[in-house]
Amino acid sequence: MIDKKYNRRDFIGLAGSGALALSFLNTCNTPGGSAVSLIKEPDDIDIVVDSKSLEKPELTIGYVPVNDCLPFAVAYTRGFFRKYGLKVKLSRESSWAASRDGIIFGRLDAAPVVSGAVINARLGAEGAVPARLCAGMTIHRHGNAITMSRGMWEAGVRPLHEYQGDVERMGNDIRSYFQSLPGSQRNVAVVLSSAIYEYLIRNLLGMCQMNVFRDFRIMIIPPPQMVANMRIGTMDMYMVAEPWNTRAISGNEGVGFTFAHGKELWSGHPDRLLGIMEDFIEKYPKTYRSLIKAMVEACRWCSRINSKEVLAELASARAFTGAATKYTRPALTGNYNYGGFDGLERMKYIPDATIFFDLPEYLKDDINDHSTFLWQSQGLWLMTQAARWKQIKSLPENPLAIANKSWRTDLYRNIVNEIGIACPDKNLKTEPGSRFIDGIEFNPEDLQGYLDTLNRKY
């Protein structure tokens, strides 16, 4: 094992530590600058909700320049916000911390947040601002990946699927690489502390028989800065949403390769949620209902088979990711390139690379299941990870009550029924081991048993 010892404080680098400050991340309110003239609200929308009937029709909604922003872009450019009486200003956020904190401190009315941010705000977990933050819906599932450096490739590490289930060989390759580095260089990066990417990274490296509390350091870096930081050697491994994995392969040859798509770590995992404060929901219930309807319709539009090329162009607009369509397209169409440095083509077709609404059959746990539905059991999984990685002292005494209060499945179910969308009639489901890279089933009715199994195995 690696003998360098880190204390807990070493694990989370401050946002921007060793990071390059990129000038194009300035916040802009009204989107603009698309070469294909997509960034505007249409005029010919059938309005179904009079804005005068809403308590707060004018909203400021955040987004971060990754493919995740597409439902917000679509709700704006296809007129779904206007349809439900909303007058929205979109605010481009510099990081996922800025998006989350913008909601908590009142600068934003709503915004996407990384899965884990809502539960951990409720728990007061390490790295999270204590707040009555809520999740209104799931924005999308998957859509992310782990990128590794050329140095890791040259040390013998390969994309996960090439190990063909040989976890021991994979673990040996990754562990050997980190063992070869001095302690100060054993760095990996994620976009937010106490959130799902950190948990997936920690689980993976734990499977590699690395001491997750000692053998490496986790840095927090905004998505558009990931590639630049890997290029200069800040870290050797990062997890982020697209297009910032593809960007390390195409147009930045020599920087990195995709080790694993997020769905290879946990199939069906929630990536982004719509974050909103509980006070907002209570004070502006009609506005909240309009917002959920507009966003769900936008997500459903994003799932249309013939929308993918339009989405790729929209994501590429300067107001959104600013990345060329050849970078935004792969995670939307599913024609995914893992890259590599041996001249071989590593293209895979992953039709569920990003899921906005319609679920593939293998992920449907109920006839009425769909991606924007909030399974509170997945919020409970995130809670177990906060306890596992010592971000909270232990599992709370009332985990179900916290999940009910923070993941607003009750309101979601009622709201979308009004636009003809049926939902599962339960809030919890068991996640079979086949969906996780470690093969361990998650039973939401036995959280401590799940944690005990993980602790015995790793």
Protein backbone atom coordinates (compact mmCIF):
# COMPACT_ATOMS: atom_id res chain seq x y z
CA MET A 1 0.00 0.00 0.00
CA ILE A 2 0.99 3.60 -0.43
CA ASP A 3 2.54 4.87 2.75
CA LYS A 4 1.90 8.58 2.36
CA LYS A 5 -0.71 9.74 4.88
CA TYR A 6 -3.23 12.48 4.24
CA ASN A 7 -5.60 13.85 6.79
CA ARG A 8 -9.22 14.49 5.88
CA ARG A 9 -8.57 18.15 5.17
CA ASP A 10 -6.15 17.22 2.39
CA PHE A 11 -8.79 15.39 0.43
CA ILE A 12 -10.89 18.27 -0.78
CA GLY A 13 -8.91 20.90 -2.66
CA LEU A 14 -10.43 24.33 -2.70
CA ALA A 15 -12.22 25.17 -5.92
CA GLY A 16 -9.62 26.45 -8.31
CA SER A 17 -6.57 25.06 -6.45
CA GLY A 18 -4.05 24.56 -9.22
CA ALA A 19 -6.82 25.45 -11.65
CA LEU A 20 -6.59 27.81 -14.55
CA ALA A 21 -8.90 30.79 -14.43
CA LEU A 22 -10.72 30.88 -17.75
CA SER A 23 -12.01 34.24 -18.82
CA PHE A 24 -14.99 32.93 -20.78
CA LEU A 25 -16.84 31.84 -17.63
CA ASN A 26 -18.33 35.25 -16.93
CA THR A 27 -22.00 35.07 -16.04
CA CYS A 28 -24.42 36.22 -18.69
CA ASN A 29 -28.14 36.51 -18.16
CA THR A 30 -29.95 36.32 -21.49
CA PRO A 31 -28.37 33.70 -23.75
CA GLY A 32 -26.98 34.81 -27.09
CA GLY A 33 -24.26 34.29 -29.63
CA SER A 34 -25.41 31.18 -31.51
CA ALA A 35 -24.25 30.93 -35.12
CA VAL A 36 -27.44 28.98 -35.93
CA SER A 37 -29.82 31.54 -34.37
CA LEU A 38 -31.26 29.07 -31.90
CA ILE A 39 -30.90 31.22 -28.83
CA LYS A 40 -34.18 33.04 -28.67
CA GLU A 41 -37.67 32.47 -27.33
CA PRO A 42 -40.29 31.70 -29.98
CA ASP A 43 -43.24 34.02 -30.45
CA ASP A 44 -45.81 31.47 -31.64
CA ILE A 45 -46.42 29.58 -28.39
CA ASP A 46 -49.86 28.56 -27.16
CA ILE A 47 -49.90 29.93 -23.63
CA VAL A 48 -51.69 27.60 -21.21
CA VAL A 49 -50.95 29.50 -17.98
CA ASP A 50 -51.47 33.25 -17.69
CA SER A 51 -48.37 34.77 -16.09
CA LYS A 52 -50.66 37.06 -14.08
CA SER A 53 -52.02 34.00 -12.27
CA LEU A 54 -48.57 33.12 -10.91
CA GLU A 55 -47.20 34.47 -7.64
CA LYS A 56 -43.74 35.05 -9.16
CA PRO A 57 -43.68 34.73 -12.95
CA GLU A 58 -40.24 36.29 -13.42
CA LEU A 59 -37.48 33.84 -12.49
CA THR A 60 -33.70 33.72 -12.67
CA ILE A 61 -32.56 30.16 -13.34
CA GLY A 62 -28.96 29.01 -13.38
CA TYR A 63 -27.16 26.51 -15.57
CA VAL A 64 -23.56 25.31 -15.95
CA PRO A 65 -21.84 25.01 -19.38
CA VAL A 66 -22.05 21.24 -19.81
CA ASN A 67 -24.51 19.11 -21.81
CA ASP A 68 -26.70 19.06 -18.68
CA CYS A 69 -27.85 22.57 -19.57
CA LEU A 70 -29.86 21.28 -22.53
CA PRO A 71 -33.26 20.91 -20.79
CA PHE A 72 -32.94 24.53 -19.65
CA ALA A 73 -31.86 25.64 -23.13
CA VAL A 74 -34.76 23.73 -24.68
CA ALA A 75 -37.30 25.08 -22.17
CA TYR A 76 -36.12 28.57 -23.17
CA THR A 77 -35.70 28.20 -26.94
CA ARG A 78 -38.74 25.95 -27.55
CA GLY A 79 -41.01 28.15 -25.45
CA PHE A 80 -41.91 25.77 -22.62
CA PHE A 81 -41.20 28.41 -20.00
CA ARG A 82 -43.50 30.88 -21.78
CA LYS A 83 -46.15 28.20 -22.28
CA TYR A 84 -46.54 27.94 -18.52
CA GLY A 85 -46.51 31.65 -17.84
CA LEU A 86 -42.85 32.00 -16.85
CA LYS A 87 -40.54 34.85 -17.83
CA VAL A 88 -37.09 33.37 -17.34
CA LYS A 89 -33.61 34.81 -17.34
CA LEU A 90 -30.94 32.14 -17.69
CA SER A 91 -27.76 32.73 -15.71
CA ARG A 92 -24.56 30.99 -16.78
CA GLU A 93 -22.81 29.75 -13.63
CA SER A 94 -19.04 29.32 -13.32
CA SER A 95 -19.17 26.09 -11.30
CA TRP A 96 -21.47 23.59 -9.62
CA ALA A 97 -20.77 25.17 -6.25
CA ALA A 98 -21.89 28.54 -7.66
CA SER A 99 -25.05 26.94 -9.03
CA ARG A 100 -25.91 25.32 -5.69
CA ASP A 101 -25.00 28.34 -3.58
CA GLY A 102 -26.86 30.68 -5.90
CA ILE A 103 -30.06 28.88 -4.93
CA ILE A 104 -29.25 28.68 -1.23
CA PHE A 105 -28.36 32.36 -0.90
CA GLY A 106 -31.23 33.62 -3.06
CA ARG A 107 -29.40 34.86 -6.16
CA LEU A 108 -31.11 32.16 -8.24
CA ASP A 109 -34.69 30.93 -8.00
CA ALA A 110 -33.75 27.46 -9.27
CA ALA A 111 -30.82 25.71 -10.95
CA PRO A 112 -29.44 22.26 -11.65
CA VAL A 113 -27.41 20.73 -8.83
CA VAL A 114 -25.16 17.69 -8.71
CA SER A 115 -26.82 14.64 -7.14
CA GLY A 116 -25.84 14.61 -3.50
CA ALA A 117 -25.96 18.38 -3.06
CA VAL A 118 -29.59 18.35 -1.88
CA ILE A 119 -29.30 15.49 0.62
CA ASN A 120 -26.02 16.79 1.98
CA ALA A 121 -27.33 20.32 2.41
CA ARG A 122 -30.08 18.79 4.55
CA LEU A 123 -27.55 16.74 6.50
CA GLY A 124 -24.99 19.53 6.87
CA ALA A 125 -22.38 17.17 5.44
CA GLU A 126 -18.79 18.25 5.02
CA GLY A 127 -18.43 20.64 2.09
CA ALA A 128 -22.17 21.43 2.01
CA VAL A 129 -23.89 24.59 3.17
CA PRO A 130 -26.69 23.58 5.61
CA ALA A 131 -29.96 24.57 3.96
CA ARG A 132 -33.53 23.48 3.29
CA LEU A 133 -32.67 22.63 -0.30
CA CYS A 134 -35.09 20.47 -2.32
CA ALA A 135 -34.98 18.46 -5.53
CA GLY A 136 -37.98 19.01 -7.76
CA MET A 137 -37.12 16.44 -10.45
CA THR A 138 -34.23 14.64 -12.09
CA ILE A 139 -32.76 16.64 -14.97
CA HIS A 140 -30.90 13.72 -16.55
CA ARG A 141 -29.17 10.42 -15.89
CA HIS A 142 -25.70 9.37 -17.08
CA GLY A 143 -24.06 11.89 -19.44
CA ASN A 144 -20.69 11.81 -17.67
CA ALA A 145 -17.46 9.84 -17.67
CA ILE A 146 -14.07 9.35 -16.01
CA THR A 147 -11.12 10.69 -17.99
CA MET A 148 -7.56 9.50 -17.29
CA SER A 149 -4.26 11.00 -18.36
CA ARG A 150 -1.81 9.82 -21.00
CA GLY A 151 0.54 8.95 -18.15
CA MET A 152 -1.96 6.41 -16.85
CA TRP A 153 -2.34 4.96 -20.34
CA GLU A 154 1.42 4.59 -20.72
CA ALA A 155 1.52 2.84 -17.34
CA GLY A 156 -0.85 0.20 -18.74
CA VAL A 157 -4.30 1.40 -17.62
CA ARG A 158 -7.01 0.81 -20.24
CA PRO A 159 -10.74 1.58 -20.58
CA LEU A 160 -12.81 -0.36 -18.09
CA HIS A 161 -14.62 -2.50 -20.67
CA GLU A 162 -11.30 -3.84 -21.98
CA TYR A 163 -10.68 -5.55 -18.62
CA GLN A 164 -13.75 -7.73 -19.35
CA GLY A 165 -14.73 -7.91 -15.70
CA ASP A 166 -11.23 -8.62 -14.36
CA VAL A 167 -11.49 -6.19 -11.44
CA GLU A 168 -8.27 -7.45 -9.85
CA ARG A 169 -6.19 -6.65 -12.94
CA MET A 170 -7.86 -3.27 -13.29
CA GLY A 171 -7.16 -2.50 -9.65
CA ASN A 172 -3.53 -3.54 -9.93
CA ASP A 173 -2.98 -1.28 -12.95
CA ILE A 174 -4.55 1.80 -11.35
CA ARG A 175 -2.98 1.23 -7.93
CA SER A 176 0.48 0.65 -9.41
CA TYR A 177 0.30 3.94 -11.26
CA PHE A 178 -0.59 5.95 -8.16
CA GLN A 179 2.08 4.12 -6.15
CA SER A 180 4.67 5.33 -8.66
CA LEU A 181 3.88 8.98 -7.91
CA PRO A 182 5.01 11.15 -5.01
CA GLY A 183 2.22 11.93 -2.59
CA SER A 184 1.74 15.51 -3.82
CA GLN A 185 0.92 14.27 -7.32
CA ARG A 186 -1.73 11.66 -6.43
CA ASN A 187 -4.58 13.91 -7.46
CA VAL A 188 -8.01 13.25 -8.92
CA ALA A 189 -10.65 15.87 -9.64
CA VAL A 190 -14.42 16.15 -9.45
CA VAL A 191 -16.80 19.09 -9.88
CA LEU A 192 -18.21 19.28 -6.34
CA SER A 193 -17.40 17.83 -2.94
CA SER A 194 -19.88 15.63 -1.08
CA ALA A 195 -21.66 14.63 -4.29
CA ILE A 196 -22.13 11.69 -6.62
CA TYR A 197 -18.94 11.99 -8.70
CA GLU A 198 -16.82 12.00 -5.58
CA TYR A 199 -18.67 8.91 -4.33
CA LEU A 200 -18.26 7.02 -7.61
CA ILE A 201 -14.55 7.89 -7.73
CA ARG A 202 -13.99 6.84 -4.12
CA ASN A 203 -15.81 3.56 -4.68
CA LEU A 204 -13.75 2.81 -7.78
CA LEU A 205 -10.42 3.50 -6.09
CA GLY A 206 -11.54 1.55 -3.03
CA MET A 207 -12.11 -1.40 -5.35
CA CYS A 208 -8.50 -0.94 -6.46
CA GLN A 209 -7.44 -1.65 -2.85
CA MET A 210 -6.40 1.94 -2.28
CA ASN A 211 -6.93 3.56 1.09
CA VAL A 212 -9.48 6.21 0.24
CA PHE A 213 -8.65 8.24 3.36
CA ARG A 214 -4.91 8.28 2.71
CA ASP A 215 -3.69 7.43 -0.75
CA PHE A 216 -4.92 10.24 -2.97
CA ARG A 217 -6.32 13.77 -2.88
CA ILE A 218 -9.60 14.94 -4.39
CA MET A 219 -9.59 18.38 -6.01
CA ILE A 220 -12.63 20.46 -6.96
CA ILE A 221 -12.37 21.99 -10.45
CA PRO A 222 -15.15 23.56 -12.59
CA PRO A 223 -16.05 21.49 -15.67
CA PRO A 224 -14.61 23.72 -18.44
CA GLN A 225 -11.25 23.82 -16.62
CA MET A 226 -10.77 20.04 -16.41
CA VAL A 227 -8.98 19.51 -19.73
CA ALA A 228 -6.59 22.43 -19.26
CA ASN A 229 -5.66 21.22 -15.80
CA MET A 230 -5.00 17.67 -16.97
CA ARG A 231 -2.86 19.05 -19.79
CA ILE A 232 -0.55 20.82 -17.33
CA GLY A 233 -0.43 17.83 -14.96
CA THR A 234 -2.62 19.11 -12.12
CA MET A 235 -4.32 15.71 -11.89
CA ASP A 236 -4.32 12.34 -13.65
CA MET A 237 -7.99 11.48 -13.36
CA TYR A 238 -11.25 13.39 -13.33
CA MET A 239 -14.99 12.81 -13.52
CA VAL A 240 -17.17 15.37 -15.24
CA ALA A 241 -20.20 15.71 -17.50
CA GLU A 242 -19.81 15.88 -21.25
CA PRO A 243 -18.53 17.45 -23.43
CA TRP A 244 -15.47 17.77 -21.18
CA ASN A 245 -14.52 14.10 -21.46
CA THR A 246 -14.71 14.01 -25.24
CA ARG A 247 -12.84 17.34 -25.29
CA ALA A 248 -9.77 15.62 -23.78
CA ILE A 249 -9.69 13.19 -26.71
CA SER A 250 -10.75 15.18 -29.76
CA GLY A 251 -9.09 18.53 -30.33
CA ASN A 252 -6.75 17.99 -27.39
CA GLU A 253 -4.88 14.94 -28.63
CA GLY A 254 -2.37 13.72 -26.08
CA VAL A 255 -4.34 14.86 -23.03
CA GLY A 256 -6.40 11.85 -21.97
CA PHE A 257 -8.74 8.94 -22.68
CA THR A 258 -12.10 7.84 -21.32
CA PHE A 259 -11.69 5.15 -18.69
CA ALA A 260 -15.38 4.56 -18.04
CA HIS A 261 -18.70 6.05 -18.93
CA GLY A 262 -20.76 6.86 -15.84
CA LYS A 263 -23.33 4.18 -16.64
CA GLU A 264 -20.56 1.57 -16.29
CA LEU A 265 -20.19 2.57 -12.65
CA TRP A 266 -23.91 2.77 -11.77
CA SER A 267 -26.46 2.18 -14.51
CA GLY A 268 -29.39 4.54 -14.09
CA HIS A 269 -27.76 6.89 -11.61
CA PRO A 270 -29.21 10.40 -11.28
CA ASP A 271 -26.66 12.96 -12.43
CA ARG A 272 -28.38 16.32 -12.08
CA LEU A 273 -31.44 17.41 -10.12
CA LEU A 274 -33.50 20.58 -10.28
CA GLY A 275 -32.57 22.38 -7.08
CA ILE A 276 -34.96 24.81 -5.39
CA MET A 277 -35.44 26.06 -1.84
CA GLU A 278 -38.27 24.74 0.30
CA ASP A 279 -39.29 28.32 1.09
CA PHE A 280 -39.81 28.98 -2.62
CA ILE A 281 -42.09 25.94 -2.99
CA GLU A 282 -44.17 27.05 0.01
CA LYS A 283 -44.37 30.71 -0.97
CA TYR A 284 -44.92 30.28 -4.73
CA PRO A 285 -46.76 26.96 -5.23
CA LYS A 286 -48.35 27.90 -8.59
CA THR A 287 -45.04 29.13 -9.95
CA TYR A 288 -43.35 25.95 -8.80
CA ARG A 289 -45.95 23.84 -10.60
CA SER A 290 -45.38 25.78 -13.82
CA LEU A 291 -41.63 25.38 -13.51
CA ILE A 292 -41.82 21.60 -13.06
CA LYS A 293 -44.21 21.23 -16.01
CA ALA A 294 -41.99 23.34 -18.29
CA MET A 295 -38.84 21.43 -17.35
CA VAL A 296 -40.44 17.99 -17.66
CA GLU A 297 -41.77 18.87 -21.11
CA ALA A 298 -38.31 20.09 -22.07
CA CYS A 299 -36.72 16.85 -20.88
CA ARG A 300 -39.32 14.85 -22.78
CA TRP A 301 -38.53 16.87 -25.92
CA CYS A 302 -34.82 16.14 -25.42
CA SER A 303 -35.60 12.40 -25.48
CA ARG A 304 -37.09 12.51 -28.97
CA ILE A 305 -35.13 10.36 -31.41
CA ASN A 306 -34.95 13.08 -34.04
CA SER A 307 -33.85 15.81 -31.62
CA LYS A 308 -30.25 14.73 -31.09
CA GLU A 309 -28.56 16.77 -33.82
CA VAL A 310 -30.58 19.84 -32.85
CA LEU A 311 -29.52 19.32 -29.24
CA ALA A 312 -25.87 19.01 -30.21
CA GLU A 313 -26.02 22.35 -32.02
CA LEU A 314 -27.91 24.00 -29.19
CA ALA A 315 -25.38 22.75 -26.62
CA SER A 316 -22.60 24.17 -28.79
CA ALA A 317 -24.00 27.70 -28.77
CA ARG A 318 -21.62 30.21 -27.25
CA ALA A 319 -24.14 30.98 -24.50
CA PHE A 320 -24.17 27.34 -23.38
CA THR A 321 -21.06 25.11 -23.61
CA GLY A 322 -19.36 26.95 -26.46
CA ALA A 323 -17.85 23.62 -27.56
CA ALA A 324 -18.07 22.48 -31.20
CA THR A 325 -20.78 19.97 -32.09
CA LYS A 326 -18.17 17.24 -32.60
CA TYR A 327 -17.64 17.44 -28.82
CA THR A 328 -21.25 17.82 -27.69
CA ARG A 329 -22.70 15.22 -30.10
CA PRO A 330 -21.20 11.88 -28.86
CA ALA A 331 -22.92 11.79 -25.46
CA LEU A 332 -26.23 12.71 -27.11
CA THR A 333 -26.23 10.38 -30.12
CA GLY A 334 -24.43 7.56 -28.27
CA ASN A 335 -21.60 7.23 -30.78
CA TYR A 336 -18.94 7.35 -28.12
CA ASN A 337 -15.17 7.39 -28.56
CA TYR A 338 -13.08 6.18 -25.61
CA GLY A 339 -9.85 7.32 -27.25
CA GLY A 340 -6.41 5.91 -26.47
CA PHE A 341 -2.85 6.29 -27.66
CA ASP A 342 -2.21 3.17 -29.71
CA GLY A 343 -3.92 4.16 -32.95
CA LEU A 344 -6.85 1.78 -32.44
CA GLU A 345 -10.43 2.95 -32.81
CA ARG A 346 -12.47 2.64 -29.63
CA MET A 347 -15.93 3.62 -30.74
CA LYS A 348 -18.92 2.18 -28.86
CA TYR A 349 -22.59 2.77 -29.44
CA ILE A 350 -24.19 3.71 -26.11
CA PRO A 351 -27.82 4.64 -26.82
CA ASP A 352 -28.40 5.53 -23.15
CA ALA A 353 -25.27 7.66 -22.85
CA THR A 354 -27.49 10.52 -21.65
CA ILE A 355 -31.05 9.95 -20.49
CA PHE A 356 -33.44 12.90 -20.32
CA PHE A 357 -36.88 11.24 -20.09
CA ASP A 358 -37.51 7.86 -21.72
CA LEU A 359 -35.79 4.97 -19.95
CA PRO A 360 -34.39 1.87 -21.66
CA GLU A 361 -36.28 -1.26 -20.69
CA TYR A 362 -33.43 -2.65 -18.56
CA LEU A 363 -33.77 0.36 -16.24
CA LYS A 364 -37.56 0.48 -15.97
CA ASP A 365 -38.50 -0.72 -12.51
CA ASP A 366 -42.15 0.17 -13.03
CA ILE A 367 -44.33 0.44 -16.12
CA ASN A 368 -44.71 4.18 -15.42
CA ASP A 369 -41.05 4.83 -14.66
CA HIS A 370 -39.27 7.63 -16.49
CA SER A 371 -36.03 9.52 -15.98
CA THR A 372 -37.36 12.75 -14.47
CA PHE A 373 -39.17 10.81 -11.73
CA LEU A 374 -37.45 11.10 -8.33
CA TRP A 375 -36.74 7.75 -6.68
CA GLN A 376 -36.18 8.69 -3.05
CA SER A 377 -34.26 5.43 -2.60
CA GLN A 378 -31.51 6.94 -4.75
CA GLY A 379 -31.40 9.86 -2.34
CA LEU A 380 -30.95 7.31 0.44
CA TRP A 381 -28.02 5.76 -1.46
CA LEU A 382 -26.37 9.18 -1.50
CA MET A 383 -26.99 9.40 2.24
CA THR A 384 -25.15 6.11 2.79
CA GLN A 385 -22.16 7.48 0.93
CA ALA A 386 -21.99 10.60 3.08
CA ALA A 387 -21.82 8.27 6.10
CA ARG A 388 -19.38 5.87 4.44
CA TRP A 389 -16.87 8.61 3.64
CA LYS A 390 -17.18 10.30 7.05
CA GLN A 391 -18.86 13.44 5.76
CA ILE A 392 -21.47 12.89 8.46
CA LYS A 393 -20.85 11.07 11.73
CA SER A 394 -23.34 8.29 11.01
CA LEU A 395 -26.59 7.57 9.24
CA PRO A 396 -29.32 9.89 10.55
CA GLU A 397 -32.04 8.43 12.74
CA ASN A 398 -34.76 9.54 10.31
CA PRO A 399 -33.41 8.91 6.80
CA LEU A 400 -36.83 8.41 5.19
CA ALA A 401 -38.17 11.64 6.66
CA ILE A 402 -35.17 13.54 5.26
CA ALA A 403 -35.63 11.96 1.83
CA ASN A 404 -39.33 12.79 1.83
CA LYS A 405 -38.70 16.40 2.73
CA SER A 406 -35.84 17.01 0.31
CA TRP A 407 -36.69 14.89 -2.77
CA ARG A 408 -40.20 16.17 -3.55
CA THR A 409 -41.58 13.06 -5.19
CA ASP A 410 -45.01 13.76 -3.68
CA LEU A 411 -45.36 17.09 -5.46
CA TYR A 412 -43.74 15.82 -8.65
CA ARG A 413 -46.23 12.96 -8.96
CA ASN A 414 -49.19 15.29 -8.51
CA ILE A 415 -47.90 17.98 -10.88
CA VAL A 416 -47.02 15.79 -13.86
CA ASN A 417 -50.31 13.90 -13.60
CA GLU A 418 -51.89 17.19 -14.68
CA ILE A 419 -50.03 16.99 -18.01
CA GLY A 420 -50.87 13.33 -18.56
CA ILE A 421 -47.71 11.68 -17.24
CA ALA A 422 -48.21 8.66 -14.97
CA CYS A 423 -45.67 7.83 -12.26
CA PRO A 424 -44.71 4.84 -10.12
CA ASP A 425 -46.87 4.74 -7.01
CA LYS A 426 -43.96 3.98 -4.71
CA ASN A 427 -40.92 6.06 -3.70
CA LEU A 428 -38.35 3.34 -3.01
CA LYS A 429 -36.84 0.55 -5.09
CA THR A 430 -34.04 -1.95 -4.67
CA GLU A 431 -31.10 -1.42 -7.04
CA PRO A 432 -29.78 -4.81 -8.20
CA GLY A 433 -26.06 -5.47 -7.92
CA SER A 434 -25.84 -5.83 -11.70
CA ARG A 435 -26.24 -2.06 -12.01
CA PHE A 436 -23.18 -1.26 -9.89
CA ILE A 437 -19.55 -1.80 -10.80
CA ASP A 438 -18.98 -3.48 -7.43
CA GLY A 439 -21.92 -5.86 -7.91
CA ILE A 440 -23.44 -5.08 -4.49
CA GLU A 441 -27.23 -4.77 -4.29
CA PHE A 442 -28.66 -1.68 -2.62
CA ASN A 443 -31.72 -2.29 -0.44
CA PRO A 444 -33.14 1.07 0.73
CA GLU A 445 -34.84 -0.64 3.66
CA ASP A 446 -31.50 -1.78 5.14
CA LEU A 447 -29.07 1.12 4.86
CA GLN A 448 -26.80 -0.04 7.67
CA GLY A 449 -26.67 -3.55 6.21
CA TYR A 450 -25.57 -2.08 2.89
CA LEU A 451 -22.83 -0.06 4.57
CA ASP A 452 -21.67 -3.12 6.53
CA THR A 453 -21.38 -5.11 3.29
CA LEU A 454 -19.29 -2.37 1.68
CA ASN A 455 -17.03 -2.13 4.71
CA ARG A 456 -16.46 -5.87 4.76
CA LYS A 457 -15.61 -5.97 1.07
CA TYR A 458 -13.32 -2.94 0.91
